[in-house]
Protein backbone atom coordinates (compact mmCIF):
# COMPACT_ATOMS: atom_id res chain seq x y z
CA MET A 1 12.10 74.47 -23.82
CA TYR A 2 14.17 75.50 -20.63
CA PHE A 3 13.51 75.31 -17.28
CA ILE A 4 14.66 77.53 -14.63
CA GLY A 5 14.46 76.90 -11.49
CA LEU A 6 15.39 79.74 -8.86
CA ASP A 7 16.25 79.78 -5.24
CA VAL A 8 15.22 83.06 -4.20
CA HIS A 9 16.69 84.87 -0.98
CA LYS A 10 16.62 88.66 0.18
CA LYS A 11 19.81 89.38 -0.72
CA THR A 12 20.38 86.96 -3.60
CA ILE A 13 19.01 84.40 -5.91
CA SER A 14 20.03 81.46 -7.02
CA TYR A 15 19.64 79.58 -10.45
CA CYS A 16 19.89 76.59 -12.65
CA VAL A 17 18.90 76.25 -16.22
CA LYS A 18 17.97 73.23 -17.48
CA ASP A 19 16.92 71.35 -21.40
CA ALA A 20 14.14 68.75 -21.58
CA ALA A 21 16.90 66.18 -21.17
CA GLY A 22 17.96 67.56 -17.86
CA HIS A 23 21.07 68.81 -18.87
CA VAL A 24 22.11 71.63 -17.30
CA TYR A 25 22.12 75.00 -19.42
CA GLN A 26 23.43 77.39 -16.77
CA GLU A 27 23.37 78.45 -13.00
CA GLY A 28 24.70 80.96 -10.67
CA LYS A 29 23.64 83.23 -8.44
CA ILE A 30 22.53 86.54 -9.00
CA GLY A 31 22.06 89.75 -6.71
CA SER A 32 17.58 89.85 -5.43
CA THR A 33 17.16 93.63 -7.41
CA ARG A 34 14.96 94.60 -10.29
CA ARG A 35 17.99 96.07 -12.64
CA GLU A 36 20.09 92.46 -11.91
CA LEU A 37 16.70 90.40 -12.46
CA GLU A 38 15.96 92.44 -15.85
CA GLU A 39 19.86 92.32 -17.27
CA TRP A 40 20.17 88.12 -16.03
CA ILE A 41 15.89 87.25 -17.80
CA ARG A 42 17.49 89.01 -21.20
CA THR A 43 20.96 86.47 -21.26
CA MET A 44 18.35 83.23 -20.68
CA PRO A 45 17.57 80.59 -23.68
CA GLN A 46 14.09 80.60 -24.92
CA PRO A 47 11.20 79.68 -24.51
CA ARG A 48 12.03 79.04 -20.91
CA THR A 49 9.57 78.18 -17.86
CA ILE A 50 10.32 79.49 -14.25
CA ALA A 51 9.89 78.33 -10.81
CA THR A 52 10.80 79.45 -7.59
CA GLU A 53 9.76 78.97 -4.11
CA ALA A 54 7.05 80.28 -2.01
CA THR A 55 8.93 83.37 0.19
CA ILE A 56 7.60 87.24 1.31
CA VAL A 57 10.18 88.39 -1.56
CA THR A 58 7.88 86.16 -4.45
CA GLY A 59 5.52 88.35 -5.20
CA TRP A 60 7.69 91.00 -7.25
CA ILE A 61 9.47 88.58 -8.41
CA TYR A 62 7.00 86.77 -9.65
CA ASP A 63 5.13 90.31 -11.46
CA HIS A 64 8.91 91.43 -12.82
CA LEU A 65 9.60 87.38 -14.77
CA LEU A 66 5.77 86.98 -15.93
CA PRO A 67 6.24 88.70 -19.14
CA HIS A 68 9.42 87.09 -19.97
CA ALA A 69 8.59 83.36 -19.36
CA GLU A 70 5.60 80.99 -20.87
CA LYS A 71 5.00 79.80 -17.63
CA MET A 72 5.78 81.39 -14.38
CA LYS A 73 5.08 78.90 -11.52
CA VAL A 74 5.26 79.22 -7.21
CA ALA A 75 5.57 76.13 -5.41
CA HIS A 76 4.68 75.24 -1.88
CA PRO A 77 7.56 75.18 0.17
CA LEU A 78 6.18 72.90 2.67
CA MET A 79 5.48 70.06 0.10
CA LEU A 80 8.77 70.56 -2.01
CA ARG A 81 10.29 70.28 0.98
CA ALA A 82 8.81 66.97 0.97
CA ILE A 83 9.79 66.19 -2.52
CA ALA A 84 13.27 67.14 -2.71
CA ALA A 85 14.87 66.15 0.62
CA ALA A 86 18.56 65.67 0.37
CA LYS A 87 21.23 64.96 2.87
CA LYS A 88 22.96 67.81 1.25
CA LYS A 89 21.55 70.95 0.96
CA ASN A 90 22.79 74.48 -0.48
CA ASP A 91 21.71 77.19 -3.21
CA ARG A 92 22.77 75.63 -5.66
CA ILE A 93 21.35 72.08 -5.25
CA ASP A 94 17.94 73.82 -4.44
CA ALA A 95 17.61 75.46 -7.67
CA GLY A 96 18.86 72.33 -9.71
CA LYS A 97 16.05 70.43 -7.82
CA ILE A 98 13.47 72.96 -8.30
CA ALA A 99 14.31 72.81 -12.20
CA ASP A 100 13.95 69.51 -12.41
CA CYS A 101 10.78 69.18 -9.78
CA LEU A 102 9.68 71.94 -12.88
CA ARG A 103 10.58 69.41 -16.11
CA CYS A 104 9.23 66.43 -14.88
CA ASP A 105 5.93 67.81 -14.05
CA PHE A 106 6.04 67.32 -10.41
CA LEU A 107 6.13 70.94 -9.10
CA PRO A 108 3.84 71.39 -6.18
CA GLU A 109 2.47 74.15 -7.14
CA CYS A 110 0.50 76.75 -4.82
CA HIS A 111 -1.88 79.39 -5.54
CA MET A 112 -0.73 82.71 -6.60
CA ALA A 113 -3.18 86.01 -6.78
CA SER A 114 -3.62 88.37 -9.02
CA THR A 115 -1.28 91.46 -8.11
CA GLU A 116 -4.70 93.49 -7.73
CA ILE A 117 -5.85 91.06 -5.00
CA ARG A 118 -2.09 91.18 -3.53
CA ASP A 119 -2.30 94.75 -3.30
CA ARG A 120 -5.61 94.82 -1.51
CA ARG A 121 -4.69 92.34 0.89
CA ARG A 122 -1.56 93.54 1.79
CA THR A 123 -3.60 96.90 3.24
CA LEU A 124 -5.91 93.97 4.88
CA ARG A 125 -3.30 92.12 6.77
CA TYR A 126 -1.80 95.79 7.65
CA ARG A 127 -4.78 96.81 8.90
CA SER A 128 -4.70 93.43 11.26
CA LEU A 129 -1.50 94.62 12.49
CA VAL A 130 -3.24 98.28 13.52
CA ILE A 131 -6.05 96.40 15.52
CA ARG A 132 -3.01 93.78 17.51
CA GLN A 133 -1.29 96.86 18.43
CA MET A 134 -4.58 99.12 19.84
CA VAL A 135 -5.25 95.82 21.72
CA GLN A 136 -1.81 95.85 23.11
CA MET A 137 -2.31 99.51 24.05
CA LYS A 138 -6.06 98.90 25.47
CA ASN A 139 -4.21 95.83 27.97
CA ARG A 140 -1.37 98.01 29.03
CA VAL A 141 -3.40 101.46 30.26
CA SER A 142 -6.07 98.33 32.18
CA GLY A 143 -2.33 97.23 33.32
CA LEU A 144 -1.21 100.37 34.40
CA LEU A 145 -4.75 100.89 36.50
CA MET A 146 -4.53 97.68 37.80
CA GLU A 147 -0.47 98.56 39.06
CA THR A 148 -1.17 101.05 40.98
CA GLY A 149 -4.84 100.32 42.76
CA VAL A 150 -6.97 102.50 40.54
CA SER A 151 -10.61 101.48 40.12
CA TYR A 152 -12.47 101.34 37.07
CA ASN A 153 -15.20 100.61 35.02
CA LYS A 154 -14.39 97.51 32.53
CA GLN A 155 -16.89 98.18 29.87
CA ARG A 156 -16.29 101.86 29.91
CA LEU A 157 -12.61 102.46 30.37
CA HIS A 158 -11.84 103.03 26.40
CA LYS A 159 -14.98 105.30 26.17
CA VAL A 160 -13.72 109.16 25.56
CA GLY A 161 -15.82 110.26 28.14
CA TYR A 162 -14.89 107.88 31.09
CA PHE A 163 -11.71 107.75 30.02
CA ALA A 164 -11.13 111.71 30.39
CA GLU A 165 -13.46 111.45 33.19
CA LEU A 166 -11.22 109.17 35.37
CA MET A 167 -7.79 111.44 34.55
CA THR A 168 -9.70 114.33 35.66
CA ALA A 169 -11.88 113.13 38.82
CA ASN A 170 -10.23 110.10 40.19
CA GLU A 171 -7.50 110.96 42.85
CA ASP A 172 -5.94 107.34 42.38
CA VAL A 173 -4.48 107.90 39.40
CA GLN A 174 -1.08 108.68 40.04
CA GLU A 175 0.86 111.20 38.40
CA SER A 176 3.79 108.78 37.26
CA ILE A 177 1.34 107.20 35.12
CA ARG A 178 -0.66 110.36 33.60
CA PRO A 179 1.55 110.31 30.74
CA LEU A 180 1.87 106.59 30.13
CA LEU A 181 -1.84 106.82 30.27
CA LYS A 182 -2.39 109.64 27.96
CA LEU A 183 0.60 108.57 25.42
CA SER A 184 -1.66 105.11 25.07
CA ARG A 185 -5.20 107.07 24.57
CA ASP A 186 -3.67 108.77 21.44
CA LEU A 187 -1.75 105.81 20.08
CA ILE A 188 -5.52 104.03 20.56
CA ARG A 189 -7.08 107.05 19.03
CA ARG A 190 -4.80 107.19 16.40
CA SER A 191 -4.86 103.23 15.73
CA GLN A 192 -9.16 103.50 15.39
CA LYS A 193 -8.68 106.37 12.62
CA LEU A 194 -6.19 104.06 10.78
CA ASP A 195 -8.45 101.57 10.89
CA TYR A 196 -11.14 102.81 9.75
CA ALA A 197 -9.43 104.82 6.68
CA LEU A 198 -8.76 101.23 5.96
CA VAL A 199 -11.47 99.44 5.78
CA SER A 200 -13.02 102.57 4.32
CA SER A 201 -11.05 102.79 1.16
CA LEU A 202 -11.03 98.79 0.88
CA GLU A 203 -15.34 98.85 0.69
CA ARG A 204 -14.95 101.58 -1.74
CA ASP A 205 -13.01 99.94 -4.24
CA PRO A 206 -14.56 99.20 -7.48
CA LEU A 207 -12.62 95.96 -7.66
CA LEU A 208 -14.89 94.86 -4.53
CA LYS A 209 -17.48 96.74 -4.12
CA GLU A 210 -20.28 94.76 -5.92
CA ARG A 211 -18.52 91.39 -4.13
CA LEU A 212 -18.63 92.38 -0.73
CA ARG A 213 -22.24 93.92 -1.04
CA ARG A 214 -23.08 90.12 -2.23
CA LEU A 215 -21.23 88.49 0.43
CA ARG A 216 -22.54 90.55 3.39
CA THR A 217 -26.34 89.16 2.30
CA VAL A 218 -24.88 85.82 4.18
CA PRO A 219 -26.13 85.42 7.60
CA GLY A 220 -23.15 86.38 10.53
CA VAL A 221 -21.04 88.41 7.36
CA GLY A 222 -20.10 91.50 8.27
CA PRO A 223 -17.61 94.01 6.48
CA ILE A 224 -14.38 92.83 7.53
CA THR A 225 -15.32 88.86 7.04
CA ALA A 226 -16.32 89.87 3.46
CA LEU A 227 -13.02 91.54 2.87
CA THR A 228 -10.64 88.85 4.04
CA TRP A 229 -12.99 85.81 2.27
CA ALA A 230 -12.48 88.15 -1.06
CA LEU A 231 -9.37 89.10 -0.72
CA GLU A 232 -7.62 85.72 1.08
CA ILE A 233 -9.40 83.22 -1.32
CA GLY A 234 -8.97 85.92 -4.55
CA ASP A 235 -10.10 83.33 -7.01
CA PHE A 236 -12.87 81.20 -5.72
CA THR A 237 -12.88 79.35 -8.90
CA ARG A 238 -9.52 77.57 -7.63
CA PHE A 239 -11.74 75.31 -5.27
CA LEU A 240 -13.54 72.25 -7.33
CA SER A 241 -15.28 71.47 -3.98
CA ILE A 242 -16.81 72.62 -0.77
CA LYS A 243 -14.67 70.65 1.11
CA GLN A 244 -11.37 72.08 -0.70
CA ALA A 245 -12.31 75.57 0.76
CA ILE A 246 -13.25 74.23 4.06
CA SER A 247 -9.59 72.88 4.28
CA TYR A 248 -8.05 76.10 2.72
CA CYS A 249 -9.64 78.28 5.68
CA GLY A 250 -8.25 75.42 8.17
CA LEU A 251 -12.12 74.35 9.41
CA CYS A 252 -10.43 70.54 9.57
CA GLY A 253 -8.82 68.65 11.19
CA ASP A 254 -5.73 66.49 9.86
CA GLU A 255 -6.13 62.71 8.72
CA LYS A 256 -3.55 59.99 9.36
CA SER A 257 -4.60 56.82 8.17
CA SER A 258 -2.71 53.54 7.48
CA ALA A 259 -4.62 49.84 6.62
CA GLU A 260 -8.07 49.75 8.07
CA LYS A 261 -6.88 52.00 10.83
CA VAL A 262 -7.82 55.82 10.75
CA MET A 263 -6.91 58.77 13.00
CA ARG A 264 -8.81 62.05 13.46
CA MET A 265 -5.82 64.56 14.13
CA PRO A 266 -6.65 68.15 15.71
CA ILE A 267 -7.67 71.03 13.43
CA SER A 268 -4.34 71.17 10.69
CA LYS A 269 -1.63 73.87 10.99
CA GLN A 270 -1.73 73.81 7.07
CA ARG A 271 -4.37 76.81 6.54
CA ASN A 272 -4.64 80.37 5.64
CA LYS A 273 -4.41 81.38 9.39
CA HIS A 274 -6.05 85.14 8.40
CA ILE A 275 -9.54 84.00 7.01
CA GLN A 276 -9.63 80.68 10.00
CA ARG A 277 -9.31 83.61 12.98
CA VAL A 278 -12.07 85.47 11.42
CA LEU A 279 -14.73 82.80 10.52
CA ILE A 280 -14.00 81.09 13.86
CA GLU A 281 -14.81 84.57 15.72
CA ALA A 282 -17.89 85.07 13.00
CA ALA A 283 -19.33 81.85 13.22
CA LYS A 284 -19.63 82.63 17.48
CA LEU A 285 -22.53 85.30 16.25
CA ALA A 286 -23.60 84.22 13.23
CA PRO A 287 -26.53 82.02 14.88
CA ARG A 288 -28.58 84.61 16.39
CA GLN A 289 -29.09 86.19 12.70
CA SER A 290 -30.05 82.90 11.41
CA PRO A 291 -32.43 79.89 12.43
CA GLU A 292 -30.38 77.70 9.98
CA LEU A 293 -27.33 78.47 11.46
CA ALA A 294 -28.62 78.22 15.56
CA VAL A 295 -29.80 74.40 14.71
CA ILE A 296 -26.28 73.57 13.47
CA ARG A 297 -24.94 74.98 16.57
CA ALA A 298 -27.62 73.43 19.24
CA ARG A 299 -27.29 69.95 17.29
CA GLU A 300 -23.37 70.28 17.97
CA LEU A 301 -24.02 71.61 20.88
CA GLU A 302 -26.16 68.53 22.20
CA ARG A 303 -22.74 66.21 21.64
CA GLY A 304 -21.22 68.45 24.29
CA ASN A 305 -18.54 70.54 22.62
CA PRO A 306 -19.22 73.84 22.16
CA ASN A 307 -15.95 74.38 19.94
CA ARG A 308 -17.13 71.63 17.40
CA ALA A 309 -20.44 73.74 17.10
CA THR A 310 -18.20 76.52 16.22
CA LEU A 311 -16.14 74.78 14.13
CA ALA A 312 -19.98 73.27 12.30
CA VAL A 313 -21.35 76.80 11.92
CA ALA A 314 -17.93 78.61 10.31
CA ARG A 315 -17.84 75.42 7.81
CA LYS A 316 -21.46 76.19 7.11
CA MET A 317 -20.60 79.42 6.38
CA VAL A 318 -18.10 79.24 3.79
CA SER A 319 -21.38 76.72 2.28
CA TYR A 320 -22.95 79.36 1.84
CA MET A 321 -20.19 82.09 0.07
CA LEU A 322 -19.09 80.11 -2.15
CA ALA A 323 -22.50 79.16 -3.01
CA VAL A 324 -23.06 82.97 -3.58
CA GLU A 325 -20.29 83.39 -5.24
CA ARG A 326 -20.17 80.69 -7.75
CA ARG A 327 -24.03 81.71 -8.54
CA ASN A 328 -23.41 84.93 -8.45
CA GLN A 329 -26.09 86.36 -6.61
CA ASP A 330 -27.25 87.53 -3.17
CA PHE A 331 -27.93 84.68 -0.53
CA VAL A 332 -31.31 83.68 0.15
CA PRO A 333 -32.39 81.63 2.92
CA ALA A 334 -34.06 78.28 2.63
CA GLU A 335 -37.29 79.24 4.16
CA GLU A 336 -37.77 81.96 1.47
CA PHE A 337 -36.13 80.15 -1.55
CA GLY A 338 -38.79 77.54 -0.94
CA ARG A 339 -41.35 80.23 -1.12
CA ARG A 340 -39.97 81.02 -4.27
CA ALA A 341 -39.97 77.96 -5.67
CA ALA A 342 -43.60 77.12 -4.44
CA ALA A 343 -44.85 80.45 -6.73
């Protein structure tokens, strides 16, 4: 078996090929293009196992090399840095260390979602970008009106009828900002249409449709929360426990313990930020739809920390969604479940 380590960059890929004894068979550098990668892999010895570090370009390289290797692994960048840190660092040395970690079975492997999930996840994350830009435009409209001293109704400002009335009937709106306001309004309207089109296409997708329907039976889970869970979590079977899923979603803090001293730190930055944000927002509204979640929130609020109450609700929602996924059936509230069991 030959072990190949790849240090991937935007324009070049450094590689190192080692045998089972750790002897360097070949090392060098190629361009980060499909043609050069295809020509290079044909010259490599077989059987082979390939490993690379997770980067923005790892996805297509992984898909391209997967049919040509016994195994294709992706290393966790942060953990790999902790294992292979050294005084001297360059692309050739990094590729060799990745090959050594792979050969000795020390490679900190991270999950690589299927191509189908990654393609759809790209669409969902693009939708998040559209929403951020739309919010910026809305804030810019409010800022323009405040800068020029125009009074407006904050709750109705971005309604079509009110905005048109403001532009025609309010004499305080200066001519200098009218073109900017119209341009901003057009961008907001286009963003709203794009948002609807992206979400609708994902909801109608045959790969996700049934899974999304089951997830939306969980209290507080709407279309965006269900989509984010399905596409960011991907294969839910990789979580052996609820604690692992909660940690991945960024709903627990770091722990730094030594001897008998235990230190609990703030919320960890090692998490999936996309699903963390969506779950936190959903957890703020979920207690209105579920008495069970309302009880959890009330219990945590008695201790005097509303943020911890929101986290507790979000963690419970994770356990609900994971249970729905594992059982492959709709969510059943505790009261209804008890009645069914008694019957």
